Structure formats: C-alpha cells, structure tokens
Amino acid sequence: MSKRFTGIRLLLAFVAINLIMFLMLVTSMTSAHPWLARVLPGHFEAGVNSSGYWVFFALVLLVDAVAVLLAGLALLLPAMVDGAAAEERRLTRHLIDRGGISEETKEAIFVAMREEVVNAHYQIVAGRTILFAGAVFLVFAFFAVSLSFTRALPGGSMYATETGSVQNQTVRAWDIQLFTADQIAGAALLNAPDIYGWQFGTLENNSDNALYTNFVFTFRAITGFVLLLIVLSLLRRGRRPSREKKTIESVEAAAEEKKTA
C-alpha cells in the first residue's frame, strides 16, 4: 500500500470522527432538552459556556489525540516489523561479489530492494513524527479532561494530598498542570519520581475515585508505550539512505575504491 493512499485513508478517518462528534454537539444544542446531559456531568443550560459542553469538547480532544496516535502506529509499526529498514550497506553486502547471479539479475534485485529500504525509512520517520505529535496532543487532552471534569463536578473528589481527599472546587488549573507534569514524568522515567518522592505538585489521584484513577493509569501506560516506540524507532532506523539513484555497478566500484585506498 502506497504512503499516499495510507495517508488519505487516515485523513478520511480523522475527518469522519470529527464530523460525528460535531453532529452530536449540534443535535444536543438544538434540542429542547440536551441529550448530552444524560451521559455527561455538568450544566448544559447556557450553551457553550456551560461546564457540560466543556466536558464534551475535552472528550473530543481526547478522541482526536487517540486517532492521531493510531495513525502514527499504522505507519510506524509495519515498517518496523517487516524489517525492511535495513541499512543500504547491508543490502549491497549481500549482492557484491555474489557468484552464480548475472549482472542483470543483481541489478533488478538491487533496485527493487533499495526502493523498499528508502520507502520504509521515510515511513518510519513519518510515523514517528505523527506519533510524537499524537503524544503531545494526548497530554493537552489529559489536562483538558481533568480540568473540565473538575469544574463539572465541584462537589466530587478526584484528587488527594498527604492529608486526605480534596474537593474538586478547591483545585486550581495550575494544580492540574503540575499533576499532569507528574504523570508524564512517571511514564517517561518508569515511575522513578514516585519511588524517590520527586513531584512537581502536591496532588495525587484519589484512589477512591476508580474512574479517574483508571483514566490516569491508562494515560501513563499509553504515554510510556508511545515514548518507548519512539526510542526504538530511533534505534531501528539505521543509516539514512540517499535518494540518489544508484546501480549495483556504481556501488561495487565504490567498494573496490575503498579497498584500494
């Protein structure tokens, strides 16, 4: 499957997801009794200024972030799994001085395999870039979901400190920013900040609130997995292949020149 066709399919899927979410918002806002109030917390009486609609917008951001991550995985994983991203010098080593194969056959094999190497390399680069953008997108979505639910449920208790649970209405946006930074550090550093007591803020998730605790755990797990994939793709990519067209004869000549130098 060509990269262009894959990109078009991913773009169409992203547009379809946002179109569905937009239609959900429109149908809720134009109805006498907003149906989103039945499934989401918060108030829906004052249009987009209502806390319930901000919860919806935050969830849209979260869905979009997951969609971007899936798009990055769809590009990155196949190129890494099939092993096509071999170094060009490894490819030439299999063909140079290989007896029993005609020059025409070696030339055809070289051109086809080198094109596959080049395409796989740039697919890994594109997938890693989209994956990194999705990770950044996910961080903003995590903060938005946390903040919007805190405002929509002022009497709830999503967080806790060393002294006990904290009511949502007393939590500031800055506190949630620091809490988000703590979760990123925990995912990136394999929970080392939790073990050594390094924290940016004073808030922790309230374990009595199972729904938000599971959300925090999922965010950490996805963030850690994405960061691991990005590191592996950097180690896996090998030397960047040149876009310059080459033939097996030119490669053999360069190899002989190196031997005689």
C-alpha atoms as a PDB file:
ATOM      1  CA  MET A   1       0.000   0.000   0.000  1.00  0.00           C
ATOM      2  CA  SER A   2       1.450   3.397  -1.011  1.00  0.00           C
ATOM      3  CA  LYS A   3       2.139   6.044   1.598  1.00  0.00           C
ATOM      4  CA  ARG A   4      -0.173   8.445  -0.226  1.00  0.00           C
ATOM      5  CA  PHE A   5      -3.109   6.031  -0.108  1.00  0.00           C
ATOM      6  CA  THR A   6      -2.483   5.279   3.565  1.00  0.00           C
ATOM      7  CA  GLY A   7      -2.329   8.983   4.364  1.00  0.00           C
ATOM      8  CA  ILE A   8      -5.619   9.630   2.561  1.00  0.00           C
ATOM      9  CA  ARG A   9      -7.365   6.834   4.469  1.00  0.00           C
ATOM     10  CA  LEU A  10      -6.075   8.126   7.813  1.00  0.00           C
ATOM     11  CA  LEU A  11      -7.154  11.669   6.950  1.00  0.00           C
ATOM     12  CA  LEU A  12     -10.644  10.498   5.954  1.00  0.00           C
ATOM     13  CA  ALA A  13     -10.968   8.552   9.211  1.00  0.00           C
ATOM     14  CA  PHE A  14      -9.929  11.635  11.207  1.00  0.00           C
ATOM     15  CA  VAL A  15     -12.459  13.833   9.363  1.00  0.00           C
ATOM     16  CA  ALA A  16     -15.221  11.237   9.867  1.00  0.00           C
ATOM     17  CA  ILE A  17     -14.594  11.075  13.627  1.00  0.00           C
ATOM     18  CA  ASN A  18     -14.754  14.858  13.980  1.00  0.00           C
ATOM     19  CA  LEU A  19     -17.857  15.063  11.791  1.00  0.00           C
ATOM     20  CA  ILE A  20     -19.662  12.554  14.004  1.00  0.00           C
ATOM     21  CA  MET A  21     -18.673  14.457  17.153  1.00  0.00           C
ATOM     22  CA  PHE A  22     -19.775  17.750  15.600  1.00  0.00           C
ATOM     23  CA  LEU A  23     -23.170  16.304  14.665  1.00  0.00           C
ATOM     24  CA  MET A  24     -23.563  15.020  18.229  1.00  0.00           C
ATOM     25  CA  LEU A  25     -22.913  18.524  19.548  1.00  0.00           C
ATOM     26  CA  VAL A  26     -25.314  20.195  17.107  1.00  0.00           C
ATOM     27  CA  THR A  27     -28.162  17.781  17.783  1.00  0.00           C
ATOM     28  CA  SER A  28     -27.747  18.259  21.529  1.00  0.00           C
ATOM     29  CA  MET A  29     -27.583  22.073  21.421  1.00  0.00           C
ATOM     30  CA  THR A  30     -30.598  22.405  19.099  1.00  0.00           C
ATOM     31  CA  SER A  31     -32.874  20.116  21.107  1.00  0.00           C
ATOM     32  CA  ALA A  32     -35.220  21.353  23.826  1.00  0.00           C
ATOM     33  CA  HIS A  33     -33.623  19.011  26.340  1.00  0.00           C
ATOM     34  CA  PRO A  34     -29.888  18.453  25.531  1.00  0.00           C
ATOM     35  CA  TRP A  35     -29.394  14.703  25.418  1.00  0.00           C
ATOM     36  CA  LEU A  36     -25.711  15.057  26.332  1.00  0.00           C
ATOM     37  CA  ALA A  37     -26.872  15.969  29.850  1.00  0.00           C
ATOM     38  CA  ARG A  38     -27.995  12.355  30.256  1.00  0.00           C
ATOM     39  CA  VAL A  39     -24.483  10.940  29.720  1.00  0.00           C
ATOM     40  CA  LEU A  40     -22.099  13.744  30.747  1.00  0.00           C
ATOM     41  CA  PRO A  41     -21.720  15.672  34.017  1.00  0.00           C
ATOM     42  CA  GLY A  42     -22.106  19.431  34.309  1.00  0.00           C
ATOM     43  CA  HIS A  43     -24.634  22.052  33.278  1.00  0.00           C
ATOM     44  CA  PHE A  44     -25.983  22.451  29.714  1.00  0.00           C
ATOM     45  CA  GLU A  45     -28.359  25.379  30.072  1.00  0.00           C
ATOM     46  CA  ALA A  46     -26.154  28.250  28.860  1.00  0.00           C
ATOM     47  CA  GLY A  47     -24.791  26.885  25.584  1.00  0.00           C
ATOM     48  CA  VAL A  48     -21.059  26.560  25.119  1.00  0.00           C
ATOM     49  CA  ASN A  49     -20.444  28.443  28.385  1.00  0.00           C
ATOM     50  CA  SER A  50     -21.890  25.506  30.318  1.00  0.00           C
ATOM     51  CA  SER A  51     -19.482  23.195  32.122  1.00  0.00           C
ATOM     52  CA  GLY A  52     -21.056  20.139  30.489  1.00  0.00           C
ATOM     53  CA  TYR A  53     -20.196  21.281  26.980  1.00  0.00           C
ATOM     54  CA  TRP A  54     -16.597  21.908  28.018  1.00  0.00           C
ATOM     55  CA  VAL A  55     -16.501  18.296  29.164  1.00  0.00           C
ATOM     56  CA  PHE A  56     -17.701  17.319  25.697  1.00  0.00           C
ATOM     57  CA  PHE A  57     -15.041  19.472  23.992  1.00  0.00           C
ATOM     58  CA  ALA A  58     -12.349  17.896  26.174  1.00  0.00           C
ATOM     59  CA  LEU A  59     -13.548  14.415  25.220  1.00  0.00           C
ATOM     60  CA  VAL A  60     -13.463  15.410  21.530  1.00  0.00           C
ATOM     61  CA  LEU A  61      -9.848  16.485  22.038  1.00  0.00           C
ATOM     62  CA  LEU A  62      -9.119  13.138  23.699  1.00  0.00           C
ATOM     63  CA  VAL A  63     -10.700  11.169  20.832  1.00  0.00           C
ATOM     64  CA  ASP A  64      -8.709  13.187  18.296  1.00  0.00           C
ATOM     65  CA  ALA A  65      -5.479  12.532  20.208  1.00  0.00           C
ATOM     66  CA  VAL A  66      -6.142   8.786  20.208  1.00  0.00           C
ATOM     67  CA  ALA A  67      -6.925   8.946  16.465  1.00  0.00           C
ATOM     68  CA  VAL A  68      -3.588  10.663  15.771  1.00  0.00           C
ATOM     69  CA  LEU A  69      -1.746   8.052  17.844  1.00  0.00           C
ATOM     70  CA  LEU A  70      -3.440   5.235  15.913  1.00  0.00           C
ATOM     71  CA  ALA A  71      -2.454   6.917  12.641  1.00  0.00           C
ATOM     72  CA  GLY A  72       1.165   7.065  13.775  1.00  0.00           C
ATOM     73  CA  LEU A  73       1.102   3.415  14.831  1.00  0.00           C
ATOM     74  CA  ALA A  74      -0.425   2.422  11.484  1.00  0.00           C
ATOM     75  CA  LEU A  75       2.579   3.939   9.709  1.00  0.00           C
ATOM     76  CA  LEU A  76       5.354   3.091  12.151  1.00  0.00           C
ATOM     77  CA  LEU A  77       4.708  -0.491  13.237  1.00  0.00           C
ATOM     78  CA  PRO A  78       4.508  -2.167   9.775  1.00  0.00           C
ATOM     79  CA  ALA A  79       7.780  -0.558   8.705  1.00  0.00           C
ATOM     80  CA  MET A  80       9.486  -1.684  11.911  1.00  0.00           C
ATOM     81  CA  VAL A  81       8.034  -5.215  11.993  1.00  0.00           C
ATOM     82  CA  ASP A  82       8.695  -6.289   8.400  1.00  0.00           C
ATOM     83  CA  GLY A  83      12.410  -5.499   8.757  1.00  0.00           C
ATOM     84  CA  ALA A  84      12.587  -3.532   5.532  1.00  0.00           C
ATOM     85  CA  ALA A  85      14.523  -0.679   7.113  1.00  0.00           C
ATOM     86  CA  ALA A  86      17.900  -2.388   6.685  1.00  0.00           C
ATOM     87  CA  GLU A  87      20.961  -0.301   6.091  1.00  0.00           C
ATOM     88  CA  GLU A  88      21.935   0.199   2.500  1.00  0.00           C
ATOM     89  CA  ARG A  89      25.445  -1.156   3.101  1.00  0.00           C
ATOM     90  CA  ARG A  90      23.941  -4.402   4.401  1.00  0.00           C
ATOM     91  CA  LEU A  91      21.917  -4.686   1.197  1.00  0.00           C
ATOM     92  CA  THR A  92      24.948  -4.213  -1.026  1.00  0.00           C
ATOM     93  CA  ARG A  93      26.995  -6.698   1.017  1.00  0.00           C
ATOM     94  CA  HIS A  94      24.561  -9.465   0.013  1.00  0.00           C
ATOM     95  CA  LEU A  95      24.943  -8.740  -3.695  1.00  0.00           C
ATOM     96  CA  ILE A  96      28.544  -7.661  -4.271  1.00  0.00           C
ATOM     97  CA  ASP A  97      30.861 -10.473  -5.250  1.00  0.00           C
ATOM     98  CA  ARG A  98      27.980 -12.942  -5.208  1.00  0.00           C
ATOM     99  CA  GLY A  99      28.734 -15.656  -7.767  1.00  0.00           C
ATOM    100  CA  GLY A 100      26.160 -17.509  -9.845  1.00  0.00           C
ATOM    101  CA  ILE A 101      23.976 -14.443 -10.363  1.00  0.00           C
ATOM    102  CA  SER A 102      24.026 -12.468 -13.586  1.00  0.00           C
ATOM    103  CA  GLU A 103      24.613  -8.743 -13.527  1.00  0.00           C
ATOM    104  CA  GLU A 104      21.117  -8.080 -14.888  1.00  0.00           C
ATOM    105  CA  THR A 105      19.533 -10.117 -12.074  1.00  0.00           C
ATOM    106  CA  LYS A 106      21.656  -8.445  -9.415  1.00  0.00           C
ATOM    107  CA  GLU A 107      20.732  -5.052 -10.837  1.00  0.00           C
ATOM    108  CA  ALA A 108      16.992  -5.805 -10.738  1.00  0.00           C
ATOM    109  CA  ILE A 109      17.192  -7.153  -7.169  1.00  0.00           C
ATOM    110  CA  PHE A 110      19.265  -4.194  -6.024  1.00  0.00           C
ATOM    111  CA  VAL A 111      16.934  -1.556  -7.462  1.00  0.00           C
ATOM    112  CA  ALA A 112      13.784  -3.212  -6.027  1.00  0.00           C
ATOM    113  CA  MET A 113      15.245  -3.816  -2.563  1.00  0.00           C
ATOM    114  CA  ARG A 114      16.813  -0.369  -2.338  1.00  0.00           C
ATOM    115  CA  GLU A 115      13.496   1.283  -3.156  1.00  0.00           C
ATOM    116  CA  GLU A 116      11.908  -0.748  -0.365  1.00  0.00           C
ATOM    117  CA  VAL A 117      14.620   0.352   2.057  1.00  0.00           C
ATOM    118  CA  VAL A 118      14.149   4.016   1.172  1.00  0.00           C
ATOM    119  CA  ASN A 119      10.346   3.848   1.466  1.00  0.00           C
ATOM    120  CA  ALA A 120      10.487   2.013   4.776  1.00  0.00           C
ATOM    121  CA  HIS A 121      12.915   4.550   6.213  1.00  0.00           C
ATOM    122  CA  TYR A 122      10.746   7.524   5.334  1.00  0.00           C
ATOM    123  CA  GLN A 123       7.649   5.671   6.570  1.00  0.00           C
ATOM    124  CA  ILE A 124       9.350   5.231   9.948  1.00  0.00           C
ATOM    125  CA  VAL A 125      10.250   8.925  10.013  1.00  0.00           C
ATOM    126  CA  ALA A 126       6.673   9.948   9.151  1.00  0.00           C
ATOM    127  CA  GLY A 127       5.153   7.507  11.644  1.00  0.00           C
ATOM    128  CA  ARG A 128       7.470   8.654  14.422  1.00  0.00           C
ATOM    129  CA  THR A 129       6.642  12.309  13.742  1.00  0.00           C
ATOM    130  CA  ILE A 130       2.885  11.650  13.818  1.00  0.00           C
ATOM    131  CA  LEU A 131       3.288   9.535  16.948  1.00  0.00           C
ATOM    132  CA  PHE A 132       5.182  12.315  18.721  1.00  0.00           C
ATOM    133  CA  ALA A 133       2.523  14.845  17.686  1.00  0.00           C
ATOM    134  CA  GLY A 134      -0.149  12.481  18.998  1.00  0.00           C
ATOM    135  CA  ALA A 135       1.682  12.186  22.327  1.00  0.00           C
ATOM    136  CA  VAL A 136       1.753  15.984  22.687  1.00  0.00           C
ATOM    137  CA  PHE A 137      -1.913  16.077  21.676  1.00  0.00           C
ATOM    138  CA  LEU A 138      -2.684  13.437  24.317  1.00  0.00           C
ATOM    139  CA  VAL A 139      -1.024  15.497  27.066  1.00  0.00           C
ATOM    140  CA  PHE A 140      -3.223  18.502  26.278  1.00  0.00           C
ATOM    141  CA  ALA A 141      -6.275  16.219  26.130  1.00  0.00           C
ATOM    142  CA  PHE A 142      -5.454  14.717  29.531  1.00  0.00           C
ATOM    143  CA  PHE A 143      -5.194  18.179  31.068  1.00  0.00           C
ATOM    144  CA  ALA A 144      -8.416  19.331  29.371  1.00  0.00           C
ATOM    145  CA  VAL A 145     -10.384  16.272  30.508  1.00  0.00           C
ATOM    146  CA  SER A 146      -9.084  16.587  34.074  1.00  0.00           C
ATOM    147  CA  LEU A 147      -9.854  20.299  34.275  1.00  0.00           C
ATOM    148  CA  SER A 148     -13.302  20.079  32.673  1.00  0.00           C
ATOM    149  CA  PHE A 149     -14.444  17.217  34.904  1.00  0.00           C
ATOM    150  CA  THR A 150     -13.148  19.063  37.957  1.00  0.00           C
ATOM    151  CA  ARG A 151     -15.263  22.089  37.032  1.00  0.00           C
ATOM    152  CA  ALA A 152     -18.297  19.982  36.075  1.00  0.00           C
ATOM    153  CA  LEU A 153     -18.192  18.052  39.384  1.00  0.00           C
ATOM    154  CA  PRO A 154     -17.286  20.689  42.001  1.00  0.00           C
ATOM    155  CA  GLY A 155     -18.547  18.536  44.863  1.00  0.00           C
ATOM    156  CA  GLY A 156     -16.565  15.493  43.808  1.00  0.00           C
ATOM    157  CA  SER A 157     -13.108  14.407  44.869  1.00  0.00           C
ATOM    158  CA  MET A 158     -10.811  13.360  42.010  1.00  0.00           C
ATOM    159  CA  TYR A 159      -7.593  14.247  43.830  1.00  0.00           C
ATOM    160  CA  ALA A 160      -5.944  13.765  47.178  1.00  0.00           C
ATOM    161  CA  THR A 161      -2.939  15.053  49.110  1.00  0.00           C
ATOM    162  CA  GLU A 162      -0.967  13.660  52.025  1.00  0.00           C
ATOM    163  CA  THR A 163      -3.664  14.902  54.384  1.00  0.00           C
ATOM    164  CA  GLY A 164      -6.570  13.261  52.567  1.00  0.00           C
ATOM    165  CA  SER A 165      -9.008  13.792  49.709  1.00  0.00           C
ATOM    166  CA  VAL A 166      -9.523  17.227  48.151  1.00  0.00           C
ATOM    167  CA  GLN A 167     -12.763  18.631  46.795  1.00  0.00           C
ATOM    168  CA  ASN A 168     -12.715  19.495  43.112  1.00  0.00           C
ATOM    169  CA  GLN A 169     -13.906  23.061  43.666  1.00  0.00           C
ATOM    170  CA  THR A 170     -10.695  23.879  45.570  1.00  0.00           C
ATOM    171  CA  VAL A 171      -8.402  22.585  42.799  1.00  0.00           C
ATOM    172  CA  ARG A 172      -6.851  25.239  40.542  1.00  0.00           C
ATOM    173  CA  ALA A 173      -5.889  24.883  36.880  1.00  0.00           C
ATOM    174  CA  TRP A 174      -2.227  25.313  37.874  1.00  0.00           C
ATOM    175  CA  ASP A 175      -2.515  22.373  40.272  1.00  0.00           C
ATOM    176  CA  ILE A 176      -3.800  20.180  37.423  1.00  0.00           C
ATOM    177  CA  GLN A 177      -0.924  21.327  35.200  1.00  0.00           C
ATOM    178  CA  LEU A 178       1.573  20.188  37.829  1.00  0.00           C
ATOM    179  CA  PHE A 179      -0.350  16.936  38.278  1.00  0.00           C
ATOM    180  CA  THR A 180      -0.156  16.358  34.509  1.00  0.00           C
ATOM    181  CA  ALA A 181       3.599  17.004  34.573  1.00  0.00           C
ATOM    182  CA  ASP A 182       3.951  14.422  37.360  1.00  0.00           C
ATOM    183  CA  GLN A 183       2.138  11.809  35.261  1.00  0.00           C
ATOM    184  CA  ILE A 184       4.357  12.488  32.228  1.00  0.00           C
ATOM    185  CA  ALA A 185       7.489  12.197  34.375  1.00  0.00           C
ATOM    186  CA  GLY A 186       6.217   8.952  35.877  1.00  0.00           C
ATOM    187  CA  ALA A 187       5.535   7.471  32.429  1.00  0.00           C
ATOM    188  CA  ALA A 188       8.847   8.608  30.928  1.00  0.00           C
ATOM    189  CA  LEU A 189      11.066   7.692  33.908  1.00  0.00           C
ATOM    190  CA  LEU A 190       9.491   4.317  34.771  1.00  0.00           C
ATOM    191  CA  ASN A 191       7.844   5.580  37.978  1.00  0.00           C
ATOM    192  CA  ALA A 192      11.186   6.730  39.408  1.00  0.00           C
ATOM    193  CA  PRO A 193       9.670  10.042  40.627  1.00  0.00           C
ATOM    194  CA  ASP A 194       7.093   8.110  42.665  1.00  0.00           C
ATOM    195  CA  ILE A 195       9.758   5.858  44.159  1.00  0.00           C
ATOM    196  CA  TYR A 196      12.094   8.705  45.162  1.00  0.00           C
ATOM    197  CA  GLY A 197       9.381  11.190  46.079  1.00  0.00           C
ATOM    198  CA  TRP A 198      10.063  13.686  43.280  1.00  0.00           C
ATOM    199  CA  GLN A 199       6.909  15.677  42.480  1.00  0.00           C
ATOM    200  CA  PHE A 200       6.122  18.949  40.752  1.00  0.00           C
ATOM    201  CA  GLY A 201       2.851  19.374  42.635  1.00  0.00           C
ATOM    202  CA  THR A 202       1.114  18.178  45.775  1.00  0.00           C
ATOM    203  CA  LEU A 203      -1.867  16.450  44.150  1.00  0.00           C
ATOM    204  CA  GLU A 204      -2.279  12.730  43.613  1.00  0.00           C
ATOM    205  CA  ASN A 205      -5.186  10.840  42.128  1.00  0.00           C
ATOM    206  CA  ASN A 206      -7.799   9.834  44.684  1.00  0.00           C
ATOM    207  CA  SER A 207      -7.767   6.024  44.597  1.00  0.00           C
ATOM    208  CA  ASP A 208     -11.355   6.013  45.911  1.00  0.00           C
ATOM    209  CA  ASN A 209     -12.393   7.547  42.592  1.00  0.00           C
ATOM    210  CA  ALA A 210     -11.988   4.419  40.447  1.00  0.00           C
ATOM    211  CA  LEU A 211     -12.988   6.010  37.129  1.00  0.00           C
ATOM    212  CA  TYR A 212     -10.428   8.819  37.260  1.00  0.00           C
ATOM    213  CA  THR A 213      -7.759   6.523  38.697  1.00  0.00           C
ATOM    214  CA  ASN A 214      -8.192   4.161  35.740  1.00  0.00           C
ATOM    215  CA  PHE A 215      -8.015   7.147  33.385  1.00  0.00           C
ATOM    216  CA  VAL A 216      -4.711   8.261  34.936  1.00  0.00           C
ATOM    217  CA  PHE A 217      -3.311   4.724  34.694  1.00  0.00           C
ATOM    218  CA  THR A 218      -4.343   4.453  31.028  1.00  0.00           C
ATOM    219  CA  PHE A 219      -2.746   7.813  30.241  1.00  0.00           C
ATOM    220  CA  ARG A 220       0.506   6.753  31.876  1.00  0.00           C
ATOM    221  CA  ALA A 221       0.531   3.381  30.105  1.00  0.00           C
ATOM    222  CA  ILE A 222      -0.143   4.863  26.654  1.00  0.00           C
ATOM    223  CA  THR A 223       2.393   7.658  27.144  1.00  0.00           C
ATOM    224  CA  GLY A 224       5.086   5.212  28.262  1.00  0.00           C
ATOM    225  CA  PHE A 225       4.354   2.856  25.356  1.00  0.00           C
ATOM    226  CA  VAL A 226       4.495   5.687  22.808  1.00  0.00           C
ATOM    227  CA  LEU A 227       7.773   7.022  24.190  1.00  0.00           C
ATOM    228  CA  LEU A 228       9.245   3.503  24.082  1.00  0.00           C
ATOM    229  CA  LEU A 229       8.204   3.100  20.442  1.00  0.00           C
ATOM    230  CA  ILE A 230       9.767   6.445  19.537  1.00  0.00           C
ATOM    231  CA  VAL A 231      13.069   5.413  21.143  1.00  0.00           C
ATOM    232  CA  LEU A 232      13.001   2.008  19.422  1.00  0.00           C
ATOM    233  CA  SER A 233      12.321   3.629  16.060  1.00  0.00           C
ATOM    234  CA  LEU A 234      15.338   5.891  16.555  1.00  0.00           C
ATOM    235  CA  LEU A 235      17.500   2.831  17.281  1.00  0.00           C
ATOM    236  CA  ARG A 236      15.947   0.797  14.452  1.00  0.00           C
ATOM    237  CA  ARG A 237      16.227   3.265  11.628  1.00  0.00           C
ATOM    238  CA  GLY A 238      19.890   2.675  10.779  1.00  0.00           C
ATOM    239  CA  ARG A 239      21.756   4.969   8.420  1.00  0.00           C
ATOM    240  CA  ARG A 240      19.599   7.294   6.353  1.00  0.00           C
ATOM    241  CA  PRO A 241      19.521   6.031   2.725  1.00  0.00           C
ATOM    242  CA  SER A 242      20.246   8.515  -0.015  1.00  0.00           C
ATOM    243  CA  ARG A 243      17.552   9.448  -2.512  1.00  0.00           C
ATOM    244  CA  GLU A 244      20.196   9.494  -5.244  1.00  0.00           C
ATOM    245  CA  LYS A 245      19.660   6.739  -7.799  1.00  0.00           C
ATOM    246  CA  LYS A 246      22.355   4.081  -7.669  1.00  0.00           C
ATOM    247  CA  THR A 247      23.240   0.964  -9.613  1.00  0.00           C
ATOM    248  CA  ILE A 248      24.982  -2.165  -8.445  1.00  0.00           C
ATOM    249  CA  GLU A 249      27.944  -1.297 -10.667  1.00  0.00           C
ATOM    250  CA  SER A 250      28.431   2.095  -9.009  1.00  0.00           C
ATOM    251  CA  VAL A 251      28.217   0.504  -5.564  1.00  0.00           C
ATOM    252  CA  GLU A 252      30.726  -2.211  -6.488  1.00  0.00           C
ATOM    253  CA  ALA A 253      33.082   0.424  -7.889  1.00  0.00           C
ATOM    254  CA  ALA A 254      32.857   2.431  -4.667  1.00  0.00           C
ATOM    255  CA  ALA A 255      33.564  -0.711  -2.643  1.00  0.00           C
ATOM    256  CA  GLU A 256      36.644  -1.517  -4.715  1.00  0.00           C
ATOM    257  CA  GLU A 257      37.859   2.042  -4.357  1.00  0.00           C
ATOM    258  CA  LYS A 258      37.605   1.731  -0.578  1.00  0.00           C
ATOM    259  CA  LYS A 259      39.597  -1.492  -0.606  1.00  0.00           C
ATOM    260  CA  THR A 260      42.435   0.037  -2.646  1.00  0.00           C
ATOM    261  CA  ALA A 261      42.500   3.301  -0.667  1.00  0.00           C
END
